[in-house]
N, C-alpha and C. Protein backbone atom coordinates (compact mmCIF):
# COMPACT_ATOMS: atom_id res chain seq x y z
N MET A 1 24.72 -1.01 4.86
CA MET A 1 23.90 -0.47 5.91
C MET A 1 22.48 -1.04 5.80
N TRP A 2 22.00 -1.56 6.91
CA TRP A 2 20.62 -2.04 6.99
C TRP A 2 19.91 -1.27 8.10
N GLN A 3 18.69 -0.86 7.82
CA GLN A 3 17.84 -0.23 8.84
C GLN A 3 16.43 -0.77 8.65
N GLN A 4 15.73 -0.89 9.76
CA GLN A 4 14.35 -1.37 9.68
C GLN A 4 13.52 -0.69 10.75
N ARG A 5 12.30 -0.32 10.37
CA ARG A 5 11.37 0.25 11.34
C ARG A 5 9.95 0.00 10.87
N ILE A 6 9.04 0.11 11.80
CA ILE A 6 7.62 -0.03 11.46
C ILE A 6 7.03 1.36 11.34
N LEU A 7 6.46 1.62 10.17
CA LEU A 7 5.79 2.89 9.91
C LEU A 7 4.31 2.76 10.28
N GLN A 8 3.76 3.82 10.79
CA GLN A 8 2.33 3.85 11.11
C GLN A 8 1.66 4.75 10.09
N LEU A 9 0.69 4.19 9.35
CA LEU A 9 -0.08 4.98 8.40
C LEU A 9 -1.40 5.40 9.04
N SER A 10 -1.79 6.61 8.80
CA SER A 10 -3.05 7.09 9.37
C SER A 10 -4.22 6.32 8.78
N PRO A 11 -5.32 6.20 9.54
CA PRO A 11 -6.50 5.49 9.02
C PRO A 11 -7.02 6.14 7.74
N LYS A 12 -7.44 5.31 6.82
CA LYS A 12 -7.97 5.78 5.54
C LYS A 12 -9.33 5.14 5.29
N SER A 13 -10.13 5.80 4.49
CA SER A 13 -11.40 5.23 4.07
C SER A 13 -11.14 4.12 3.05
N LYS A 14 -12.14 3.33 2.78
CA LYS A 14 -12.02 2.27 1.80
C LYS A 14 -11.67 2.90 0.45
N GLY A 15 -10.69 2.32 -0.24
CA GLY A 15 -10.28 2.84 -1.54
C GLY A 15 -8.78 2.80 -1.69
N PHE A 16 -8.29 3.49 -2.69
CA PHE A 16 -6.86 3.54 -2.99
C PHE A 16 -6.35 4.93 -2.65
N HIS A 17 -5.24 4.96 -1.90
CA HIS A 17 -4.72 6.22 -1.38
C HIS A 17 -3.24 6.35 -1.72
N LEU A 18 -2.86 7.52 -2.19
CA LEU A 18 -1.47 7.83 -2.46
C LEU A 18 -0.78 8.12 -1.13
N ILE A 19 0.20 7.27 -0.77
CA ILE A 19 0.85 7.40 0.54
C ILE A 19 2.34 7.69 0.42
N SER A 20 2.83 8.03 -0.75
CA SER A 20 4.27 8.27 -0.94
C SER A 20 4.81 9.26 0.07
N ARG A 21 4.15 10.41 0.23
CA ARG A 21 4.64 11.45 1.14
C ARG A 21 4.60 10.97 2.58
N GLU A 22 3.54 10.26 2.96
CA GLU A 22 3.43 9.75 4.33
C GLU A 22 4.56 8.78 4.65
N VAL A 23 4.92 7.95 3.68
CA VAL A 23 6.03 7.01 3.86
C VAL A 23 7.36 7.76 3.93
N LEU A 24 7.61 8.64 2.97
CA LEU A 24 8.89 9.35 2.93
C LEU A 24 9.11 10.25 4.13
N ASP A 25 8.05 10.84 4.66
CA ASP A 25 8.18 11.69 5.85
C ASP A 25 8.69 10.91 7.05
N GLN A 26 8.43 9.60 7.07
CA GLN A 26 8.88 8.76 8.18
C GLN A 26 10.24 8.12 7.93
N LEU A 27 10.83 8.40 6.77
CA LEU A 27 12.12 7.79 6.41
C LEU A 27 13.11 8.85 5.91
N PRO A 28 13.45 9.83 6.75
CA PRO A 28 14.36 10.90 6.29
C PRO A 28 15.75 10.39 5.93
N GLU A 29 16.14 9.23 6.44
CA GLU A 29 17.48 8.71 6.15
C GLU A 29 17.67 8.28 4.69
N ILE A 30 16.59 8.20 3.93
CA ILE A 30 16.74 7.91 2.50
C ILE A 30 17.64 8.95 1.84
N ALA A 31 17.59 10.19 2.34
CA ALA A 31 18.40 11.26 1.77
C ALA A 31 19.90 10.97 1.85
N ASP A 32 20.31 10.08 2.74
CA ASP A 32 21.73 9.76 2.90
C ASP A 32 22.18 8.56 2.08
N ILE A 33 21.28 7.93 1.36
CA ILE A 33 21.61 6.71 0.62
C ILE A 33 21.87 7.06 -0.85
N GLN A 34 23.04 6.70 -1.32
CA GLN A 34 23.39 6.95 -2.71
C GLN A 34 22.88 5.85 -3.64
N THR A 35 22.98 4.60 -3.19
CA THR A 35 22.50 3.45 -3.95
C THR A 35 21.89 2.47 -2.97
N GLY A 36 20.64 2.08 -3.20
CA GLY A 36 20.04 1.15 -2.26
C GLY A 36 18.63 0.74 -2.65
N LEU A 37 17.98 0.09 -1.69
CA LEU A 37 16.62 -0.39 -1.87
C LEU A 37 15.79 -0.09 -0.63
N LEU A 38 14.53 0.21 -0.87
CA LEU A 38 13.54 0.32 0.20
C LEU A 38 12.53 -0.79 -0.04
N HIS A 39 12.39 -1.65 0.95
CA HIS A 39 11.38 -2.70 0.88
C HIS A 39 10.28 -2.33 1.87
N LEU A 40 9.04 -2.36 1.39
CA LEU A 40 7.87 -2.06 2.22
C LEU A 40 6.98 -3.29 2.28
N PHE A 41 6.54 -3.64 3.49
CA PHE A 41 5.69 -4.81 3.71
C PHE A 41 4.57 -4.43 4.65
N ILE A 42 3.33 -4.56 4.21
CA ILE A 42 2.18 -4.21 5.05
C ILE A 42 1.81 -5.42 5.91
N GLN A 43 1.60 -5.20 7.20
CA GLN A 43 1.34 -6.27 8.15
C GLN A 43 -0.15 -6.54 8.33
N HIS A 44 -0.88 -6.57 7.25
CA HIS A 44 -2.32 -6.77 7.32
C HIS A 44 -2.77 -7.64 6.15
N THR A 45 -3.87 -8.39 6.36
CA THR A 45 -4.38 -9.26 5.31
C THR A 45 -5.59 -8.66 4.59
N SER A 46 -5.94 -7.43 4.91
CA SER A 46 -7.10 -6.80 4.28
C SER A 46 -6.75 -5.44 3.69
N ALA A 47 -5.46 -5.24 3.41
CA ALA A 47 -4.98 -4.03 2.75
C ALA A 47 -3.82 -4.44 1.86
N SER A 48 -3.43 -3.56 0.94
CA SER A 48 -2.36 -3.91 0.00
C SER A 48 -1.50 -2.70 -0.29
N LEU A 49 -0.34 -2.98 -0.89
CA LEU A 49 0.55 -1.94 -1.39
C LEU A 49 0.73 -2.16 -2.89
N SER A 50 0.77 -1.07 -3.62
CA SER A 50 1.05 -1.16 -5.05
C SER A 50 1.64 0.16 -5.52
N LEU A 51 2.09 0.16 -6.75
CA LEU A 51 2.69 1.34 -7.37
C LEU A 51 1.86 1.70 -8.59
N ASN A 52 1.45 2.98 -8.69
CA ASN A 52 0.62 3.35 -9.82
C ASN A 52 0.62 4.87 -9.98
N GLU A 53 -0.28 5.36 -10.80
CA GLU A 53 -0.44 6.77 -11.17
C GLU A 53 -0.49 7.68 -9.95
N ASN A 54 0.33 8.75 -9.97
CA ASN A 54 0.36 9.64 -8.81
C ASN A 54 -0.24 11.02 -9.08
N ALA A 55 -0.70 11.29 -10.28
CA ALA A 55 -1.15 12.64 -10.61
C ALA A 55 -2.67 12.78 -10.66
N ASP A 56 -3.34 11.88 -11.33
CA ASP A 56 -4.78 12.02 -11.55
C ASP A 56 -5.55 11.16 -10.56
N PRO A 57 -6.26 11.77 -9.61
CA PRO A 57 -6.99 11.00 -8.60
C PRO A 57 -8.09 10.12 -9.18
N SER A 58 -8.52 10.39 -10.41
CA SER A 58 -9.57 9.54 -11.00
C SER A 58 -9.07 8.11 -11.20
N VAL A 59 -7.75 7.92 -11.33
CA VAL A 59 -7.20 6.56 -11.46
C VAL A 59 -7.50 5.77 -10.18
N ARG A 60 -7.31 6.39 -9.03
CA ARG A 60 -7.58 5.70 -7.77
C ARG A 60 -9.06 5.37 -7.63
N GLY A 61 -9.92 6.27 -8.05
CA GLY A 61 -11.35 5.98 -8.04
C GLY A 61 -11.72 4.86 -8.99
N ASP A 62 -11.12 4.86 -10.18
CA ASP A 62 -11.37 3.79 -11.14
C ASP A 62 -10.88 2.45 -10.61
N MET A 63 -9.75 2.46 -9.93
CA MET A 63 -9.24 1.21 -9.34
C MET A 63 -10.26 0.67 -8.34
N GLU A 64 -10.76 1.51 -7.46
CA GLU A 64 -11.73 1.06 -6.46
C GLU A 64 -13.00 0.54 -7.13
N ARG A 65 -13.49 1.26 -8.12
CA ARG A 65 -14.71 0.81 -8.80
C ARG A 65 -14.48 -0.52 -9.51
N HIS A 66 -13.30 -0.71 -10.09
CA HIS A 66 -13.00 -1.99 -10.75
C HIS A 66 -13.03 -3.13 -9.73
N PHE A 67 -12.38 -2.94 -8.60
CA PHE A 67 -12.33 -4.00 -7.60
C PHE A 67 -13.68 -4.24 -6.94
N GLN A 68 -14.51 -3.20 -6.82
CA GLN A 68 -15.87 -3.42 -6.32
C GLN A 68 -16.65 -4.33 -7.26
N HIS A 69 -16.40 -4.18 -8.54
CA HIS A 69 -17.07 -5.02 -9.54
C HIS A 69 -16.45 -6.43 -9.58
N ALA A 70 -15.13 -6.49 -9.60
CA ALA A 70 -14.43 -7.78 -9.75
C ALA A 70 -14.51 -8.64 -8.49
N VAL A 71 -14.51 -8.00 -7.33
CA VAL A 71 -14.53 -8.73 -6.04
C VAL A 71 -15.60 -8.08 -5.17
N PRO A 72 -16.86 -8.41 -5.41
CA PRO A 72 -17.96 -7.73 -4.73
C PRO A 72 -18.14 -8.21 -3.29
N GLU A 73 -18.75 -7.36 -2.49
CA GLU A 73 -19.19 -7.77 -1.16
C GLU A 73 -20.43 -8.65 -1.31
N ASN A 74 -20.68 -9.44 -0.29
CA ASN A 74 -21.88 -10.28 -0.20
C ASN A 74 -22.03 -11.31 -1.32
N ALA A 75 -20.91 -11.75 -1.90
CA ALA A 75 -21.03 -12.82 -2.90
C ALA A 75 -21.58 -14.06 -2.21
N PRO A 76 -22.53 -14.75 -2.83
CA PRO A 76 -23.20 -15.87 -2.15
C PRO A 76 -22.29 -17.07 -1.88
N TYR A 77 -21.15 -17.11 -2.51
CA TYR A 77 -20.24 -18.25 -2.34
C TYR A 77 -19.19 -18.01 -1.25
N TYR A 78 -19.15 -16.83 -0.62
CA TYR A 78 -18.20 -16.59 0.48
C TYR A 78 -18.65 -17.35 1.72
N GLU A 79 -17.73 -18.07 2.31
CA GLU A 79 -17.99 -18.76 3.57
C GLU A 79 -17.51 -17.92 4.76
N HIS A 80 -16.40 -17.20 4.59
CA HIS A 80 -15.80 -16.38 5.64
C HIS A 80 -16.56 -15.05 5.71
N THR A 81 -17.60 -14.99 6.56
CA THR A 81 -18.44 -13.79 6.63
C THR A 81 -18.64 -13.25 8.04
N MET A 82 -18.05 -13.90 9.06
CA MET A 82 -18.29 -13.49 10.46
C MET A 82 -17.80 -12.07 10.75
N GLU A 83 -16.78 -11.59 10.03
CA GLU A 83 -16.23 -10.27 10.30
C GLU A 83 -16.85 -9.18 9.43
N GLY A 84 -17.92 -9.49 8.75
CA GLY A 84 -18.63 -8.50 7.95
C GLY A 84 -18.51 -8.75 6.46
N PRO A 85 -19.37 -8.12 5.68
CA PRO A 85 -19.41 -8.37 4.25
C PRO A 85 -18.21 -7.83 3.49
N ASP A 86 -17.42 -6.93 4.10
CA ASP A 86 -16.24 -6.40 3.42
C ASP A 86 -14.98 -7.20 3.70
N ASP A 87 -15.02 -8.16 4.62
CA ASP A 87 -13.80 -8.84 5.05
C ASP A 87 -13.24 -9.80 3.99
N MET A 88 -14.05 -10.74 3.51
CA MET A 88 -13.53 -11.69 2.52
C MET A 88 -13.11 -10.99 1.24
N PRO A 89 -13.89 -10.04 0.71
CA PRO A 89 -13.40 -9.32 -0.46
C PRO A 89 -12.06 -8.60 -0.19
N ALA A 90 -11.89 -8.09 1.03
CA ALA A 90 -10.63 -7.42 1.38
C ALA A 90 -9.46 -8.39 1.32
N HIS A 91 -9.65 -9.61 1.80
CA HIS A 91 -8.58 -10.61 1.72
C HIS A 91 -8.25 -10.94 0.27
N ILE A 92 -9.26 -11.11 -0.55
CA ILE A 92 -9.03 -11.45 -1.96
C ILE A 92 -8.30 -10.31 -2.67
N ARG A 93 -8.72 -9.08 -2.45
CA ARG A 93 -8.07 -7.92 -3.08
C ARG A 93 -6.62 -7.81 -2.64
N SER A 94 -6.36 -8.08 -1.36
CA SER A 94 -4.99 -8.04 -0.85
C SER A 94 -4.12 -9.07 -1.56
N VAL A 95 -4.64 -10.27 -1.74
CA VAL A 95 -3.88 -11.32 -2.44
C VAL A 95 -3.63 -10.91 -3.90
N MET A 96 -4.62 -10.34 -4.53
CA MET A 96 -4.48 -9.95 -5.94
C MET A 96 -3.45 -8.85 -6.14
N LEU A 97 -3.40 -7.89 -5.23
CA LEU A 97 -2.52 -6.73 -5.39
C LEU A 97 -1.17 -6.89 -4.71
N GLY A 98 -1.11 -7.62 -3.63
CA GLY A 98 0.17 -7.86 -2.97
C GLY A 98 0.36 -7.06 -1.70
N GLU A 99 1.31 -7.53 -0.92
CA GLU A 99 1.57 -6.93 0.40
C GLU A 99 2.93 -6.25 0.50
N SER A 100 3.70 -6.24 -0.60
CA SER A 100 5.03 -5.63 -0.49
C SER A 100 5.48 -4.98 -1.79
N LEU A 101 6.44 -4.06 -1.63
CA LEU A 101 7.08 -3.38 -2.75
C LEU A 101 8.57 -3.30 -2.48
N SER A 102 9.37 -3.44 -3.50
CA SER A 102 10.80 -3.16 -3.43
C SER A 102 11.09 -2.01 -4.38
N LEU A 103 11.61 -0.92 -3.84
CA LEU A 103 11.78 0.31 -4.61
C LEU A 103 13.25 0.73 -4.61
N PRO A 104 13.80 1.09 -5.77
CA PRO A 104 15.19 1.52 -5.83
C PRO A 104 15.39 2.92 -5.26
N ILE A 105 16.55 3.11 -4.65
CA ILE A 105 16.96 4.42 -4.14
C ILE A 105 18.24 4.81 -4.87
N GLY A 106 18.31 6.05 -5.29
CA GLY A 106 19.52 6.57 -5.93
C GLY A 106 19.70 8.03 -5.58
N GLN A 107 20.89 8.38 -5.20
CA GLN A 107 21.25 9.76 -4.88
C GLN A 107 20.25 10.43 -3.93
N GLY A 108 19.87 9.67 -2.90
CA GLY A 108 19.06 10.22 -1.83
C GLY A 108 17.58 10.32 -2.08
N ARG A 109 17.07 9.61 -3.11
CA ARG A 109 15.63 9.67 -3.35
C ARG A 109 15.15 8.37 -3.98
N LEU A 110 13.86 8.12 -3.87
CA LEU A 110 13.28 6.97 -4.55
C LEU A 110 13.35 7.20 -6.05
N LEU A 111 13.75 6.18 -6.79
CA LEU A 111 13.85 6.30 -8.24
C LEU A 111 12.56 5.82 -8.91
N LEU A 112 11.49 6.51 -8.60
CA LEU A 112 10.21 6.20 -9.20
C LEU A 112 10.07 6.96 -10.51
N GLY A 113 9.21 6.44 -11.39
CA GLY A 113 8.92 7.14 -12.62
C GLY A 113 8.17 8.43 -12.33
N THR A 114 8.14 9.30 -13.31
CA THR A 114 7.50 10.62 -13.14
C THR A 114 6.10 10.53 -12.60
N TRP A 115 5.32 9.55 -13.05
CA TRP A 115 3.91 9.47 -12.68
C TRP A 115 3.63 8.32 -11.73
N GLN A 116 4.65 7.83 -11.02
CA GLN A 116 4.45 6.71 -10.11
C GLN A 116 4.38 7.17 -8.66
N GLY A 117 3.49 6.54 -7.91
CA GLY A 117 3.36 6.80 -6.49
C GLY A 117 3.00 5.52 -5.76
N ILE A 118 3.26 5.50 -4.46
CA ILE A 118 2.96 4.34 -3.63
C ILE A 118 1.50 4.43 -3.20
N TYR A 119 0.76 3.33 -3.44
CA TYR A 119 -0.64 3.25 -3.07
C TYR A 119 -0.83 2.34 -1.87
N LEU A 120 -1.68 2.78 -0.97
CA LEU A 120 -2.28 1.88 0.01
C LEU A 120 -3.65 1.53 -0.54
N GLY A 121 -3.91 0.24 -0.70
CA GLY A 121 -5.25 -0.22 -1.01
C GLY A 121 -5.91 -0.56 0.31
N GLU A 122 -6.83 0.28 0.74
CA GLU A 122 -7.59 0.00 1.96
C GLU A 122 -8.86 -0.72 1.53
N HIS A 123 -8.96 -1.99 1.88
CA HIS A 123 -10.03 -2.82 1.37
C HIS A 123 -11.15 -3.08 2.38
N ARG A 124 -11.03 -2.51 3.58
CA ARG A 124 -12.09 -2.63 4.59
C ARG A 124 -12.81 -1.29 4.70
N ASN A 125 -14.06 -1.35 5.12
CA ASN A 125 -14.81 -0.11 5.34
C ASN A 125 -14.24 0.69 6.50
N ASN A 126 -13.74 0.01 7.53
CA ASN A 126 -13.14 0.66 8.70
C ASN A 126 -11.86 -0.07 9.07
N GLY A 127 -10.85 0.06 8.23
CA GLY A 127 -9.60 -0.67 8.43
C GLY A 127 -8.74 -0.15 9.57
N GLY A 128 -8.82 1.12 9.85
CA GLY A 128 -8.01 1.71 10.92
C GLY A 128 -6.59 2.01 10.46
N ALA A 129 -5.74 2.34 11.42
CA ALA A 129 -4.33 2.63 11.12
C ALA A 129 -3.67 1.35 10.62
N ARG A 130 -2.73 1.51 9.72
CA ARG A 130 -2.03 0.35 9.14
C ARG A 130 -0.54 0.46 9.45
N ARG A 131 0.07 -0.72 9.64
CA ARG A 131 1.51 -0.80 9.92
C ARG A 131 2.23 -1.34 8.69
N VAL A 132 3.36 -0.68 8.38
CA VAL A 132 4.18 -1.09 7.25
C VAL A 132 5.63 -1.23 7.75
N VAL A 133 6.21 -2.41 7.53
CA VAL A 133 7.62 -2.62 7.86
C VAL A 133 8.45 -2.04 6.71
N ALA A 134 9.31 -1.10 7.04
CA ALA A 134 10.20 -0.49 6.05
C ALA A 134 11.62 -0.97 6.31
N THR A 135 12.23 -1.59 5.31
CA THR A 135 13.61 -2.06 5.42
C THR A 135 14.43 -1.33 4.38
N LEU A 136 15.46 -0.64 4.85
CA LEU A 136 16.38 0.11 3.99
C LEU A 136 17.71 -0.63 3.91
N ASN A 137 18.25 -0.71 2.70
CA ASN A 137 19.56 -1.29 2.50
C ASN A 137 20.27 -0.42 1.48
N GLY A 138 21.48 0.00 1.79
CA GLY A 138 22.22 0.81 0.83
C GLY A 138 23.40 1.51 1.46
N ASP A 139 24.12 2.24 0.61
CA ASP A 139 25.23 3.05 1.08
C ASP A 139 25.24 4.40 0.39
């Protein structure tokens, strides 16, 4: 069985956001899959998807602070600046973190670790709603 749809994520502020519930609420058919995979692909070049800590929100804050330091706005060597000082750093952060995840499904649920959750990395100051292609495969 293959299914595919585009999920709409609500607009988020710049930073790292736990979106596991938002994704799962849009994919109720996962409950019917005994063995399978969920592939998620974000259709944007200034946001990312990753898997990380789902319990302590300070991890998400630390992630954002790290990337602000590692990939700063207004670096003097950026040439791509017409879309604002947050645009080129957003592209770099997206490349560093990635645009997709493949997650196992078993007995009707994602087989994530106890402390794992799906993150949206919103790397623009005003990124807006984000689209994620969700592809389900399984039986």
